Protein backbone atom coordinates (compact mmCIF):
# COMPACT_ATOMS: atom_id res chain seq x y z
CA MET A 1 -39.76 -8.40 -24.23
CA ASN A 2 -36.47 -9.22 -22.48
CA THR A 3 -34.32 -6.31 -21.38
CA ARG A 4 -30.66 -6.71 -22.25
CA ILE A 5 -28.17 -6.72 -19.35
CA THR A 6 -25.13 -4.56 -20.10
CA LEU A 7 -21.57 -4.48 -18.82
CA LYS A 8 -22.15 -0.93 -17.62
CA GLN A 9 -25.02 -2.08 -15.43
CA LEU A 10 -22.88 -4.85 -13.90
CA GLU A 11 -20.04 -2.39 -13.33
CA THR A 12 -22.49 -0.10 -11.55
CA LEU A 13 -23.67 -2.94 -9.30
CA TYR A 14 -20.05 -3.85 -8.51
CA TRP A 15 -19.05 -0.36 -7.40
CA ILE A 16 -22.22 0.31 -5.40
CA ALA A 17 -21.57 -2.89 -3.44
CA GLU A 18 -17.86 -2.13 -3.08
CA LEU A 19 -18.19 1.51 -2.04
CA GLY A 20 -21.37 1.19 -0.02
CA THR A 21 -23.55 3.94 -1.49
CA PHE A 22 -25.02 5.07 -4.81
CA GLU A 23 -23.37 8.48 -4.28
CA ARG A 24 -19.83 7.07 -3.98
CA ALA A 25 -20.35 4.79 -6.96
CA ALA A 26 -21.55 7.76 -9.04
CA ALA A 27 -18.45 9.76 -8.08
CA HIS A 28 -16.16 6.83 -8.87
CA LEU A 29 -17.79 6.25 -12.27
CA CYS A 30 -17.89 9.98 -13.05
CA THR A 31 -21.67 10.12 -13.49
CA THR A 32 -24.77 11.20 -11.60
CA GLN A 33 -26.78 9.43 -8.93
CA SER A 34 -29.83 9.48 -11.18
CA ALA A 35 -27.85 7.66 -13.90
CA ILE A 36 -26.70 5.09 -11.33
CA SER A 37 -30.26 4.56 -10.10
CA LYS A 38 -31.51 4.11 -13.69
CA ARG A 39 -28.87 1.46 -14.41
CA VAL A 40 -29.85 -0.46 -11.27
CA GLN A 41 -33.54 -0.33 -12.21
CA GLU A 42 -32.73 -1.60 -15.71
CA LEU A 43 -30.56 -4.37 -14.26
CA GLU A 44 -33.33 -5.44 -11.88
CA ARG A 45 -35.82 -5.55 -14.76
CA GLY A 46 -33.42 -7.46 -16.98
CA SER A 47 -32.41 -9.98 -14.31
CA ARG A 48 -35.82 -10.11 -12.60
CA ILE A 49 -33.97 -9.89 -9.31
CA GLU A 50 -34.57 -7.47 -6.46
CA ILE A 51 -30.91 -6.57 -5.98
CA PHE A 52 -31.06 -4.18 -3.01
CA ASP A 53 -33.08 -4.51 0.18
CA ARG A 54 -34.99 -1.24 0.22
CA SER A 55 -36.32 -1.86 3.74
CA LEU A 56 -32.82 -1.15 5.07
CA ARG A 57 -30.78 2.02 4.99
CA GLY A 58 -27.81 2.11 2.67
CA ALA A 59 -27.01 -0.08 -0.31
CA ARG A 60 -27.62 -3.53 1.24
CA LEU A 61 -27.71 -6.46 -1.18
CA THR A 62 -30.39 -9.12 -0.98
CA ALA A 63 -29.30 -12.77 -0.95
CA ARG A 64 -29.91 -13.07 -4.71
CA GLY A 65 -28.33 -9.66 -5.17
CA GLU A 66 -25.15 -11.05 -3.59
CA GLN A 67 -25.21 -13.93 -6.06
CA LEU A 68 -25.57 -11.49 -8.96
CA PHE A 69 -22.74 -9.37 -7.54
CA GLU A 70 -20.43 -12.40 -7.61
CA VAL A 71 -21.34 -13.08 -11.24
CA ALA A 72 -20.75 -9.40 -12.05
CA ARG A 73 -17.33 -9.57 -10.40
CA GLN A 74 -16.34 -12.57 -12.53
CA ILE A 75 -17.57 -10.94 -15.74
CA LEU A 76 -15.66 -7.74 -15.01
CA GLU A 77 -12.51 -9.75 -14.32
CA LEU A 78 -12.89 -11.51 -17.68
CA HIS A 79 -13.42 -8.13 -19.33
CA ASP A 80 -10.21 -6.94 -17.66
CA GLN A 81 -8.35 -9.91 -19.09
CA ILE A 82 -9.74 -9.28 -22.59
CA ILE A 83 -8.31 -5.74 -22.49
CA GLU A 84 -4.92 -7.14 -21.53
CA VAL A 85 -5.00 -9.58 -24.48
CA GLN A 86 -5.19 -6.60 -26.83
CA HIS A 87 -1.46 -6.02 -26.19
CA GLY A 88 -1.77 -2.30 -25.87
CA ASP A 89 -3.80 -1.77 -29.05
CA SER A 90 -6.75 -0.42 -27.07
CA LYS A 91 -6.90 3.35 -26.68
CA GLN A 92 -8.99 3.00 -23.56
CA PRO A 93 -7.01 4.62 -20.70
CA ARG A 94 -6.21 2.56 -17.63
CA SER A 95 -6.08 4.00 -14.11
CA LEU A 96 -3.67 2.86 -11.43
CA ARG A 97 -4.15 3.98 -7.84
CA ILE A 98 -0.92 3.10 -6.10
CA GLY A 99 -0.02 3.67 -2.45
CA VAL A 100 3.57 4.02 -1.23
CA THR A 101 5.31 4.91 1.98
CA GLU A 102 7.84 7.66 2.50
CA LEU A 103 10.94 5.52 1.90
CA THR A 104 9.74 4.39 -1.53
CA THR A 105 8.83 7.95 -2.49
CA ILE A 106 12.31 9.35 -1.82
CA THR A 107 14.20 6.44 -3.35
CA TRP A 108 12.91 4.52 -6.38
CA LEU A 109 9.32 5.69 -7.06
CA PRO A 110 10.32 7.91 -10.05
CA GLN A 111 12.07 4.92 -11.65
CA LEU A 112 8.95 2.77 -11.15
CA ILE A 113 6.60 5.38 -12.64
CA SER A 114 8.81 5.69 -15.73
CA ALA A 115 8.80 1.90 -16.17
CA ILE A 116 5.01 1.69 -15.85
CA LYS A 117 4.45 4.45 -18.41
CA GLU A 118 6.90 2.79 -20.79
CA GLN A 119 5.07 -0.55 -20.64
CA PHE A 120 1.50 0.80 -20.46
CA ALA A 121 1.23 3.83 -22.71
CA ASN A 122 -2.35 4.74 -21.76
CA VAL A 123 -2.07 4.34 -18.00
CA ARG A 124 -2.96 7.20 -15.67
CA ILE A 125 -1.14 6.93 -12.35
CA PHE A 126 -2.62 8.30 -9.13
CA PRO A 127 -0.04 7.88 -6.35
CA LYS A 128 -0.79 8.31 -2.65
CA VAL A 129 1.95 8.73 -0.05
CA ASP A 130 0.98 7.79 3.49
CA MET A 131 1.82 5.57 6.44
CA ALA A 132 1.57 1.80 5.92
CA ARG A 133 -1.47 1.36 8.16
CA ALA A 134 -3.45 4.04 6.30
CA LEU A 135 -2.50 2.58 2.91
CA PHE A 136 -3.56 -0.91 3.99
CA ASN A 137 -6.94 0.45 5.12
CA ASP A 138 -7.39 2.19 1.77
CA LEU A 139 -6.61 -1.05 -0.06
CA GLU A 140 -9.13 -2.90 2.09
CA GLN A 141 -11.79 -0.29 1.20
CA SER A 142 -10.90 -0.53 -2.54
CA GLN A 143 -9.64 3.05 -2.57
CA LEU A 144 -6.26 1.86 -3.89
CA ASP A 145 -5.35 -0.83 -6.43
CA LEU A 146 -1.90 -1.68 -5.10
CA VAL A 147 0.28 -0.70 -2.13
CA ILE A 148 3.99 -1.13 -1.43
CA ILE A 149 4.41 -1.54 2.33
CA PRO A 150 6.26 -3.60 4.95
CA GLU A 151 4.82 -7.08 5.37
CA THR A 152 3.04 -6.27 8.62
CA PHE A 153 -0.62 -6.43 7.58
CA THR A 154 -2.50 -9.19 5.79
CA LEU A 155 -5.96 -10.50 4.92
CA PRO A 156 -6.92 -13.78 3.19
CA GLU A 157 -8.22 -11.99 0.11
CA PHE A 158 -4.96 -10.08 -0.37
CA SER A 159 -2.05 -11.21 -2.55
CA SER A 160 1.46 -10.15 -1.56
CA ILE A 161 4.51 -10.30 -3.83
CA PRO A 162 7.83 -9.95 -1.94
CA VAL A 163 9.88 -7.14 -3.50
CA ALA A 164 12.77 -6.41 -1.11
CA LYS A 165 14.14 -6.56 2.42
CA VAL A 166 15.31 -3.36 4.08
CA GLN A 167 18.08 -3.71 6.64
CA ASN A 168 17.92 -1.26 9.54
CA TYR A 169 20.73 -0.51 11.99
CA TRP A 170 20.84 1.50 15.17
CA MET A 171 22.51 4.78 14.24
CA ALA A 172 23.45 7.96 16.08
CA LYS A 173 25.41 11.14 15.62
CA LYS A 174 29.09 10.29 15.71
CA GLY A 175 30.39 10.35 19.28
CA LEU A 176 26.98 10.29 20.99
CA VAL A 177 27.25 6.63 22.07
CA ASP A 178 30.46 5.88 23.94
CA LEU A 179 29.79 2.21 24.81
CA PRO A 180 32.21 -0.39 23.39
CA GLY A 181 30.45 -2.67 20.93
CA PRO A 182 28.87 -4.97 20.31
CA ILE A 183 26.23 -3.94 22.86
CA ARG A 184 22.85 -5.31 23.89
CA HIS A 185 19.77 -3.56 22.53
CA ARG A 186 18.55 -2.77 26.05
CA ASP A 187 21.83 -0.90 26.76
CA LEU A 188 20.62 1.82 24.41
CA ALA A 189 18.04 2.77 27.06
CA GLN A 190 20.58 5.11 28.70
CA TYR A 191 20.32 7.32 25.60
CA PRO A 192 17.24 8.99 24.12
CA VAL A 193 15.70 6.38 21.81
CA LEU A 194 13.91 7.53 18.64
CA VAL A 195 11.42 5.07 17.12
CA GLN A 196 8.60 4.96 14.60
CA GLY A 197 5.05 4.36 15.90
CA HIS A 198 2.08 2.13 15.16
CA SER A 199 1.17 3.87 11.91
CA SER A 200 4.51 2.87 10.41
CA GLY A 201 4.90 -0.63 9.01
CA SER A 202 8.63 -0.68 9.77
CA GLY A 203 7.95 0.70 13.25
CA MET A 204 5.40 -2.02 13.98
CA TYR A 205 7.68 -4.75 12.63
CA LEU A 206 10.81 -3.71 14.54
CA ASN A 207 9.07 -2.65 17.74
CA LYS A 208 7.35 -6.04 17.93
CA TRP A 209 10.67 -7.81 17.33
CA LEU A 210 12.27 -5.86 20.19
CA LYS A 211 9.32 -6.43 22.52
CA ASP A 212 9.32 -10.19 21.80
CA ARG A 213 12.91 -10.25 23.04
CA GLY A 214 12.12 -8.37 26.22
CA VAL A 215 13.58 -5.06 25.03
CA VAL A 216 11.29 -2.28 26.24
CA PHE A 217 12.48 1.33 26.34
CA GLN A 218 10.82 3.35 29.08
CA GLU A 219 11.43 6.70 27.44
CA THR A 220 11.16 7.07 23.70
CA LEU A 221 10.50 9.82 21.21
CA VAL A 222 7.99 8.47 18.67
CA CYS A 223 8.01 9.94 15.17
CA ASP A 224 6.28 8.13 12.31
CA SER A 225 8.08 10.08 9.60
CA MET A 226 11.32 8.37 8.61
CA THR A 227 12.92 11.52 7.19
CA ALA A 228 12.02 13.50 10.32
CA LEU A 229 13.50 10.70 12.43
CA LEU A 230 16.65 10.87 10.34
CA GLY A 231 16.90 14.62 10.86
CA LEU A 232 16.52 14.27 14.62
CA THR A 233 19.23 11.61 14.67
CA VAL A 234 21.69 13.70 12.63
CA ALA A 235 21.00 16.56 15.07
CA GLY A 236 22.20 14.34 17.91
CA LEU A 237 18.88 14.04 19.75
CA GLY A 238 19.08 10.29 20.19
CA VAL A 239 19.63 6.79 18.80
CA ALA A 240 17.33 5.47 16.06
CA TYR A 241 16.95 2.45 13.80
CA LEU A 242 17.30 3.62 10.21
CA PRO A 243 17.48 1.95 6.77
CA TYR A 244 21.19 1.51 6.24
CA GLU A 245 21.33 1.61 2.43
CA PHE A 246 19.58 4.98 2.39
CA CYS A 247 21.70 6.39 5.24
CA GLN A 248 25.05 4.95 4.14
CA ARG A 249 26.24 8.24 2.66
CA LEU A 250 25.66 10.00 5.99
CA GLU A 251 27.82 7.38 7.68
CA GLU A 252 30.53 7.78 5.07
CA SER A 253 30.49 11.56 5.53
CA GLY A 254 30.82 11.21 9.32
CA LYS A 255 27.41 12.63 10.20
CA LEU A 256 26.16 9.30 11.54
CA GLU A 257 27.69 6.10 12.84
CA VAL A 258 26.35 2.57 13.14
CA ILE A 259 25.94 1.28 16.69
CA GLU A 260 27.05 -2.35 16.64
CA THR A 261 24.74 -4.69 18.59
CA GLU A 262 25.17 -8.29 19.70
CA THR A 263 22.08 -9.31 17.72
CA PRO A 264 21.39 -7.48 14.45
CA LEU A 265 17.95 -6.05 13.81
CA PRO A 266 15.97 -8.22 11.37
CA PRO A 267 15.53 -7.00 7.80
CA VAL A 268 12.05 -5.57 7.18
CA PRO A 269 10.32 -7.39 4.29
CA TYR A 270 8.46 -5.18 1.81
CA VAL A 271 5.68 -6.45 -0.44
CA ALA A 272 3.55 -5.26 -3.33
CA MET A 273 0.02 -6.01 -2.11
CA TYR A 274 -3.28 -6.06 -3.97
CA ARG A 275 -6.73 -7.60 -3.62
CA SER A 276 -6.93 -10.99 -5.33
CA ASP A 277 -10.73 -11.00 -5.04
CA ARG A 278 -10.99 -8.12 -7.52
CA PRO A 279 -10.05 -7.93 -11.23
CA HIS A 280 -6.29 -8.04 -10.88
CA THR A 281 -4.46 -9.13 -14.07
CA PHE A 282 -3.25 -5.61 -14.79
CA VAL A 283 -2.39 -4.95 -11.14
CA HIS A 284 -0.40 -8.20 -10.93
CA GLU A 285 1.72 -7.07 -13.88
CA ILE A 286 2.36 -3.78 -12.07
CA ALA A 287 3.41 -5.75 -8.97
CA GLU A 288 5.95 -7.64 -11.08
CA LEU A 289 7.34 -4.29 -12.31
CA VAL A 290 7.60 -3.19 -8.69
CA LYS A 291 9.67 -6.28 -7.91
CA LEU A 292 11.92 -5.60 -10.89
CA HIS A 293 12.63 -1.93 -10.15
CA CYS A 294 12.62 -1.89 -6.34
CA ASP A 295 15.82 -0.22 -5.06
CA PHE A 296 15.74 1.24 -1.54
CA GLY A 297 19.38 2.25 -1.78
CA LYS A 298 18.66 4.69 -4.57
CA SER A 299 18.57 8.38 -3.66
CA TYR A 300 16.50 10.33 -6.15
CA GLN A 301 18.01 13.62 -7.21
CA ILE A 302 15.79 16.31 -8.70
């Protein structure tokens, strides 16, 4: 008698392969390891394929197991598309794990969340706020569905939708810099220079741009947090590159001033990034909402 292969069994195979262990797959699917093991056994009987190499430690797929995994991935993607065709009639809740950096959180994230909930009534949103490098790593490990970060990282299996460009300027407490402008970037070296580090997407993008042009500051204060960097700059502890739209009110109030340079800093491109080698119809629609509602000049007031 043939054993029927179920969608739940294929979903189990997918997440074991993606997350690396039966334990992680069980946690992700909100079930027990014994239930996961039973589904795998049933799938192996139904497919007549030895899916995992039990001579090795961990959940290592056999060659035929890899072929079955690819088929499972395609079936799950089709299932994802079927749900979308229902036009919201399905009561099955959707989950969205979205990663954002600090600047998005304190500007337009509330507006985006409202738009997502308005369009997808049954969606459950799980946001994560972190540095761009950490968010990219989480996306690579399938711990997040979509991230909004500077366009600094990439992989062939990732899709990136451009959403905005953030213009940064050198800024300082009014009166700190007494050089007549426009000045060269390297002339700022006579003042304490505040920069973001290698965990920050904007920091990586702008620091590389400066280094490519031979601008290297010998003494810098590195702070990955943009809001902390802003606070240090307002306190008069140095010169920093900051997103102008967000800081414009501080310039207008006289707390900060723009330091004019001969060559402007390049705008930092931001993207909505997701894995295109996973079921992604729903996530792509979210990325389009991100593009529509992105506004880094917005200051959210509680």
